[in-house]
Amino acid sequence: MRIVLLASISLLFAVNGCKRQGVVSPHAEIVAHPVSPAFELAGTWETLPDPNLPTESKTRMSVRKLRDGVYAIDIESHGKISIECRTTPLVKSDDCVIADIVASSANEPPLRLIGVVKRQGESLSVWWIESTNLAKLLHEDSYSAVIEHGLLYSKVYADAEDLLKCIQKHSRELVGDPAYSLRRRIN
């Protein structure tokens, strides 16, 4: 079942060994006090095609607001996976939020990823926080952390508040290319 969960998350978030190696997976929740973004996140979204993957099919997902800054994400054909997203504003930005995303399924430990979500008109872009510069930036900011590098993601053990502050301060240095783009689907 863990393989199914990882495969589903990999498909959903385009986390693959070549393009997305080093995506950060913190050991604990970092968005302790979620805040809704200034933009509307709830609704039905559809992935935009990746020009590098011409046979890729569109994935549709529904985002429901549960409470301030907390959302449930339902992905068509992934009914047994529960995905929750907790958001907090990126400092000095109305169109970007930090997203603490947890995917879980029965009998499996949850998988947590951290990203930045940006709204542009009727589109969303998502970037994963990558571990490439994270250790150096945490150290420069006098925070301590342990990073375990894995095949698909890097597990980060750090104080949640310190990690969030570092991501807010250095978000541009911690993201690579957008992991995926979504377009609002009008029903």
C-alpha atoms as a PDB file:
ATOM      1  CA  MET A   1       0.000   0.000   0.000  1.00  0.00           C
ATOM      2  CA  ARG A   2       2.930   2.385   0.702  1.00  0.00           C
ATOM      3  CA  ILE A   3       4.035   1.894  -2.903  1.00  0.00           C
ATOM      4  CA  VAL A   4       0.520   2.785  -4.119  1.00  0.00           C
ATOM      5  CA  LEU A   5       0.546   5.909  -1.929  1.00  0.00           C
ATOM      6  CA  LEU A   6       3.991   6.983  -3.154  1.00  0.00           C
ATOM      7  CA  ALA A   7       3.081   6.229  -6.770  1.00  0.00           C
ATOM      8  CA  SER A   8      -0.128   8.239  -6.457  1.00  0.00           C
ATOM      9  CA  ILE A   9       1.658  11.170  -4.862  1.00  0.00           C
ATOM     10  CA  SER A  10       4.357  10.962  -7.510  1.00  0.00           C
ATOM     11  CA  LEU A  11       1.747  11.029 -10.251  1.00  0.00           C
ATOM     12  CA  LEU A  12      -0.252  13.796  -8.625  1.00  0.00           C
ATOM     13  CA  PHE A  13       2.626  16.084  -7.775  1.00  0.00           C
ATOM     14  CA  ALA A  14       5.059  15.099 -10.552  1.00  0.00           C
ATOM     15  CA  VAL A  15       7.623  14.013  -8.009  1.00  0.00           C
ATOM     16  CA  ASN A  16       9.927  11.731  -9.946  1.00  0.00           C
ATOM     17  CA  GLY A  17      13.479  10.639  -9.365  1.00  0.00           C
ATOM     18  CA  CYS A  18      14.960  12.665 -12.225  1.00  0.00           C
ATOM     19  CA  LYS A  19      13.037  15.915 -12.142  1.00  0.00           C
ATOM     20  CA  ARG A  20      12.043  16.279  -8.477  1.00  0.00           C
ATOM     21  CA  GLN A  21      14.721  14.536  -6.425  1.00  0.00           C
ATOM     22  CA  GLY A  22      15.273  16.232  -3.084  1.00  0.00           C
ATOM     23  CA  VAL A  23      11.744  17.483  -2.392  1.00  0.00           C
ATOM     24  CA  VAL A  24      11.447  18.331   1.308  1.00  0.00           C
ATOM     25  CA  SER A  25       9.307  16.180   3.597  1.00  0.00           C
ATOM     26  CA  PRO A  26       9.352  17.619   7.120  1.00  0.00           C
ATOM     27  CA  HIS A  27       8.952  15.170   9.998  1.00  0.00           C
ATOM     28  CA  ALA A  28       6.150  17.245  11.551  1.00  0.00           C
ATOM     29  CA  GLU A  29       3.475  19.776  10.647  1.00  0.00           C
ATOM     30  CA  ILE A  30       5.007  23.198   9.993  1.00  0.00           C
ATOM     31  CA  VAL A  31       1.821  25.225   9.461  1.00  0.00           C
ATOM     32  CA  ALA A  32       0.516  25.160  13.030  1.00  0.00           C
ATOM     33  CA  HIS A  33      -1.733  28.206  12.577  1.00  0.00           C
ATOM     34  CA  PRO A  34      -3.267  27.942   9.098  1.00  0.00           C
ATOM     35  CA  VAL A  35      -4.543  31.065   7.354  1.00  0.00           C
ATOM     36  CA  SER A  36      -6.615  31.121   4.169  1.00  0.00           C
ATOM     37  CA  PRO A  37      -4.920  32.686   1.170  1.00  0.00           C
ATOM     38  CA  ALA A  38      -6.028  36.080  -0.144  1.00  0.00           C
ATOM     39  CA  PHE A  39      -7.145  34.206  -3.296  1.00  0.00           C
ATOM     40  CA  GLU A  40      -9.813  31.506  -3.649  1.00  0.00           C
ATOM     41  CA  LEU A  41      -8.258  28.042  -3.528  1.00  0.00           C
ATOM     42  CA  ALA A  42     -11.437  25.967  -3.225  1.00  0.00           C
ATOM     43  CA  GLY A  43     -12.920  24.671  -6.465  1.00  0.00           C
ATOM     44  CA  THR A  44     -12.267  22.129  -9.189  1.00  0.00           C
ATOM     45  CA  TRP A  45      -8.845  22.257 -10.819  1.00  0.00           C
ATOM     46  CA  GLU A  46      -7.338  20.386 -13.751  1.00  0.00           C
ATOM     47  CA  THR A  47      -3.648  19.882 -14.495  1.00  0.00           C
ATOM     48  CA  LEU A  48      -2.291  21.632 -17.553  1.00  0.00           C
ATOM     49  CA  PRO A  49      -0.437  19.380 -19.997  1.00  0.00           C
ATOM     50  CA  ASP A  50       3.339  19.181 -19.608  1.00  0.00           C
ATOM     51  CA  PRO A  51       4.986  19.797 -23.011  1.00  0.00           C
ATOM     52  CA  ASN A  52       7.753  17.371 -21.990  1.00  0.00           C
ATOM     53  CA  LEU A  53       5.207  14.566 -21.481  1.00  0.00           C
ATOM     54  CA  PRO A  54       2.974  14.602 -24.586  1.00  0.00           C
ATOM     55  CA  THR A  55       1.045  11.474 -23.557  1.00  0.00           C
ATOM     56  CA  GLU A  56       0.281  12.778 -20.071  1.00  0.00           C
ATOM     57  CA  SER A  57      -3.427  12.872 -19.290  1.00  0.00           C
ATOM     58  CA  LYS A  58      -5.151  15.613 -17.342  1.00  0.00           C
ATOM     59  CA  THR A  59      -5.811  15.025 -13.670  1.00  0.00           C
ATOM     60  CA  ARG A  60      -8.838  16.626 -12.070  1.00  0.00           C
ATOM     61  CA  MET A  61      -8.943  17.523  -8.406  1.00  0.00           C
ATOM     62  CA  SER A  62     -11.476  19.143  -6.134  1.00  0.00           C
ATOM     63  CA  VAL A  63     -10.352  21.384  -3.302  1.00  0.00           C
ATOM     64  CA  ARG A  64     -12.797  21.872  -0.410  1.00  0.00           C
ATOM     65  CA  LYS A  65     -12.320  24.373   2.374  1.00  0.00           C
ATOM     66  CA  LEU A  66     -12.670  22.686   5.767  1.00  0.00           C
ATOM     67  CA  ARG A  67     -11.877  25.742   7.913  1.00  0.00           C
ATOM     68  CA  ASP A  68      -9.618  28.790   7.800  1.00  0.00           C
ATOM     69  CA  GLY A  69      -6.495  27.771   5.890  1.00  0.00           C
ATOM     70  CA  VAL A  70      -7.300  24.031   5.880  1.00  0.00           C
ATOM     71  CA  TYR A  71      -8.428  22.239   2.717  1.00  0.00           C
ATOM     72  CA  ALA A  72      -9.269  18.679   1.670  1.00  0.00           C
ATOM     73  CA  ILE A  73      -8.110  17.641  -1.785  1.00  0.00           C
ATOM     74  CA  ASP A  74      -9.980  14.916  -3.664  1.00  0.00           C
ATOM     75  CA  ILE A  75      -8.390  13.520  -6.796  1.00  0.00           C
ATOM     76  CA  GLU A  76     -10.438  11.591  -9.301  1.00  0.00           C
ATOM     77  CA  SER A  77      -9.488   7.901  -9.265  1.00  0.00           C
ATOM     78  CA  HIS A  78      -7.590   8.254  -5.947  1.00  0.00           C
ATOM     79  CA  GLY A  79     -10.504   7.654  -3.581  1.00  0.00           C
ATOM     80  CA  LYS A  80      -8.556   5.768  -0.894  1.00  0.00           C
ATOM     81  CA  ILE A  81      -5.988   8.519  -0.350  1.00  0.00           C
ATOM     82  CA  SER A  82      -6.756  11.354   2.025  1.00  0.00           C
ATOM     83  CA  ILE A  83      -5.003  14.653   1.267  1.00  0.00           C
ATOM     84  CA  GLU A  84      -5.075  17.677   3.542  1.00  0.00           C
ATOM     85  CA  CYS A  85      -3.507  21.050   2.781  1.00  0.00           C
ATOM     86  CA  ARG A  86      -2.749  23.702   5.421  1.00  0.00           C
ATOM     87  CA  THR A  87      -1.790  27.149   4.135  1.00  0.00           C
ATOM     88  CA  THR A  88      -0.081  30.239   5.495  1.00  0.00           C
ATOM     89  CA  PRO A  89       0.810  33.406   3.584  1.00  0.00           C
ATOM     90  CA  LEU A  90       4.227  33.830   2.074  1.00  0.00           C
ATOM     91  CA  VAL A  91       5.595  37.012   3.640  1.00  0.00           C
ATOM     92  CA  LYS A  92       4.684  40.169   1.662  1.00  0.00           C
ATOM     93  CA  SER A  93       2.718  38.305  -1.009  1.00  0.00           C
ATOM     94  CA  ASP A  94      -1.039  38.201  -1.607  1.00  0.00           C
ATOM     95  CA  ASP A  95      -0.832  35.740  -4.489  1.00  0.00           C
ATOM     96  CA  CYS A  96       1.412  33.078  -2.862  1.00  0.00           C
ATOM     97  CA  VAL A  97       1.046  30.757   0.107  1.00  0.00           C
ATOM     98  CA  ILE A  98       3.138  28.074   1.733  1.00  0.00           C
ATOM     99  CA  ALA A  99       1.279  24.764   1.577  1.00  0.00           C
ATOM    100  CA  ASP A 100       1.872  21.985   4.113  1.00  0.00           C
ATOM    101  CA  ILE A 101       0.364  18.945   2.358  1.00  0.00           C
ATOM    102  CA  VAL A 102      -0.199  15.533   3.962  1.00  0.00           C
ATOM    103  CA  ALA A 103      -1.306  12.475   2.008  1.00  0.00           C
ATOM    104  CA  SER A 104      -2.289   9.312   3.837  1.00  0.00           C
ATOM    105  CA  SER A 105      -4.025   6.022   3.305  1.00  0.00           C
ATOM    106  CA  ALA A 106      -5.183   3.245   5.612  1.00  0.00           C
ATOM    107  CA  ASN A 107      -2.405   1.312   7.381  1.00  0.00           C
ATOM    108  CA  GLU A 108       0.363   3.551   6.013  1.00  0.00           C
ATOM    109  CA  PRO A 109       2.312   6.408   7.565  1.00  0.00           C
ATOM    110  CA  PRO A 110       1.474   9.797   6.059  1.00  0.00           C
ATOM    111  CA  LEU A 111       3.673  11.512   3.486  1.00  0.00           C
ATOM    112  CA  ARG A 112       4.164  15.250   4.069  1.00  0.00           C
ATOM    113  CA  LEU A 113       5.403  17.716   1.428  1.00  0.00           C
ATOM    114  CA  ILE A 114       5.933  21.470   1.557  1.00  0.00           C
ATOM    115  CA  GLY A 115       5.316  23.728  -1.409  1.00  0.00           C
ATOM    116  CA  VAL A 116       4.572  27.234  -2.567  1.00  0.00           C
ATOM    117  CA  VAL A 117       1.280  27.826  -4.396  1.00  0.00           C
ATOM    118  CA  LYS A 118       0.805  30.902  -6.574  1.00  0.00           C
ATOM    119  CA  ARG A 119      -2.469  32.050  -8.107  1.00  0.00           C
ATOM    120  CA  GLN A 120      -2.344  33.862 -11.449  1.00  0.00           C
ATOM    121  CA  GLY A 121      -5.820  34.618 -12.807  1.00  0.00           C
ATOM    122  CA  GLU A 122      -7.592  31.280 -13.254  1.00  0.00           C
ATOM    123  CA  SER A 123      -4.386  29.246 -12.913  1.00  0.00           C
ATOM    124  CA  LEU A 124      -2.345  27.873 -10.026  1.00  0.00           C
ATOM    125  CA  SER A 125       1.331  26.985 -10.078  1.00  0.00           C
ATOM    126  CA  VAL A 126       2.954  24.755  -7.475  1.00  0.00           C
ATOM    127  CA  TRP A 127       6.634  24.583  -6.579  1.00  0.00           C
ATOM    128  CA  TRP A 128       8.025  22.059  -4.104  1.00  0.00           C
ATOM    129  CA  ILE A 129      10.528  23.210  -1.508  1.00  0.00           C
ATOM    130  CA  GLU A 130      13.740  21.403  -2.464  1.00  0.00           C
ATOM    131  CA  SER A 131      16.563  20.367  -0.161  1.00  0.00           C
ATOM    132  CA  THR A 132      19.412  21.567  -2.392  1.00  0.00           C
ATOM    133  CA  ASN A 133      20.158  24.737  -0.388  1.00  0.00           C
ATOM    134  CA  LEU A 134      18.027  24.059   2.686  1.00  0.00           C
ATOM    135  CA  ALA A 135      20.790  22.872   5.048  1.00  0.00           C
ATOM    136  CA  LYS A 136      23.023  25.825   4.138  1.00  0.00           C
ATOM    137  CA  LEU A 137      20.195  28.361   4.590  1.00  0.00           C
ATOM    138  CA  LEU A 138      19.047  26.852   7.890  1.00  0.00           C
ATOM    139  CA  HIS A 139      22.632  27.013   9.143  1.00  0.00           C
ATOM    140  CA  GLU A 140      23.086  30.630   7.946  1.00  0.00           C
ATOM    141  CA  ASP A 141      19.941  31.577   9.870  1.00  0.00           C
ATOM    142  CA  SER A 142      21.316  29.801  13.006  1.00  0.00           C
ATOM    143  CA  TYR A 143      18.676  27.031  12.943  1.00  0.00           C
ATOM    144  CA  SER A 144      19.578  23.401  13.506  1.00  0.00           C
ATOM    145  CA  ALA A 145      18.224  20.561  11.421  1.00  0.00           C
ATOM    146  CA  VAL A 146      18.966  17.033  10.279  1.00  0.00           C
ATOM    147  CA  ILE A 147      18.261  16.151   6.652  1.00  0.00           C
ATOM    148  CA  GLU A 148      18.008  12.539   5.451  1.00  0.00           C
ATOM    149  CA  HIS A 149      18.258  12.350   1.657  1.00  0.00           C
ATOM    150  CA  GLY A 150      16.098   9.706  -0.031  1.00  0.00           C
ATOM    151  CA  LEU A 151      15.291   8.666  -3.582  1.00  0.00           C
ATOM    152  CA  LEU A 152      12.114  10.765  -4.019  1.00  0.00           C
ATOM    153  CA  TYR A 153      12.280  13.198  -1.118  1.00  0.00           C
ATOM    154  CA  SER A 154      14.466  14.375   1.742  1.00  0.00           C
ATOM    155  CA  LYS A 155      13.171  14.008   5.285  1.00  0.00           C
ATOM    156  CA  VAL A 156      13.827  17.124   7.399  1.00  0.00           C
ATOM    157  CA  TYR A 157      13.984  17.057  11.189  1.00  0.00           C
ATOM    158  CA  ALA A 158      13.873  20.640  12.473  1.00  0.00           C
ATOM    159  CA  ASP A 159      11.861  22.859  14.758  1.00  0.00           C
ATOM    160  CA  ALA A 160       8.646  23.506  12.801  1.00  0.00           C
ATOM    161  CA  GLU A 161       8.640  27.247  13.481  1.00  0.00           C
ATOM    162  CA  ASP A 162      12.309  27.602  12.465  1.00  0.00           C
ATOM    163  CA  LEU A 163      11.699  25.654   9.251  1.00  0.00           C
ATOM    164  CA  LEU A 164       8.667  27.802   8.389  1.00  0.00           C
ATOM    165  CA  LYS A 165      10.617  31.026   9.014  1.00  0.00           C
ATOM    166  CA  CYS A 166      13.466  29.797   6.814  1.00  0.00           C
ATOM    167  CA  ILE A 167      11.068  28.875   3.994  1.00  0.00           C
ATOM    168  CA  GLN A 168       9.310  32.243   4.246  1.00  0.00           C
ATOM    169  CA  LYS A 169      12.623  34.091   4.131  1.00  0.00           C
ATOM    170  CA  HIS A 170      14.303  32.030   1.384  1.00  0.00           C
ATOM    171  CA  SER A 171      11.422  30.654  -0.712  1.00  0.00           C
ATOM    172  CA  ARG A 172      12.920  31.817  -4.025  1.00  0.00           C
ATOM    173  CA  GLU A 173      16.173  30.014  -3.252  1.00  0.00           C
ATOM    174  CA  LEU A 174      14.422  26.807  -2.171  1.00  0.00           C
ATOM    175  CA  VAL A 175      12.220  26.119  -5.191  1.00  0.00           C
ATOM    176  CA  GLY A 176      13.101  24.812  -8.617  1.00  0.00           C
ATOM    177  CA  ASP A 177      10.898  24.763 -11.682  1.00  0.00           C
ATOM    178  CA  PRO A 178       7.134  24.560 -11.093  1.00  0.00           C
ATOM    179  CA  ALA A 179       6.174  20.981 -10.275  1.00  0.00           C
ATOM    180  CA  TYR A 180       2.859  21.416 -12.051  1.00  0.00           C
ATOM    181  CA  SER A 181       0.280  23.946 -13.182  1.00  0.00           C
ATOM    182  CA  LEU A 182      -3.473  23.801 -12.787  1.00  0.00           C
ATOM    183  CA  ARG A 183      -6.371  25.562 -14.459  1.00  0.00           C
ATOM    184  CA  ARG A 184      -9.708  26.217 -12.762  1.00  0.00           C
ATOM    185  CA  ARG A 185     -12.367  23.978 -14.269  1.00  0.00           C
ATOM    186  CA  ILE A 186     -15.711  25.619 -14.872  1.00  0.00           C
ATOM    187  CA  ASN A 187     -18.491  23.057 -14.434  1.00  0.00           C
END
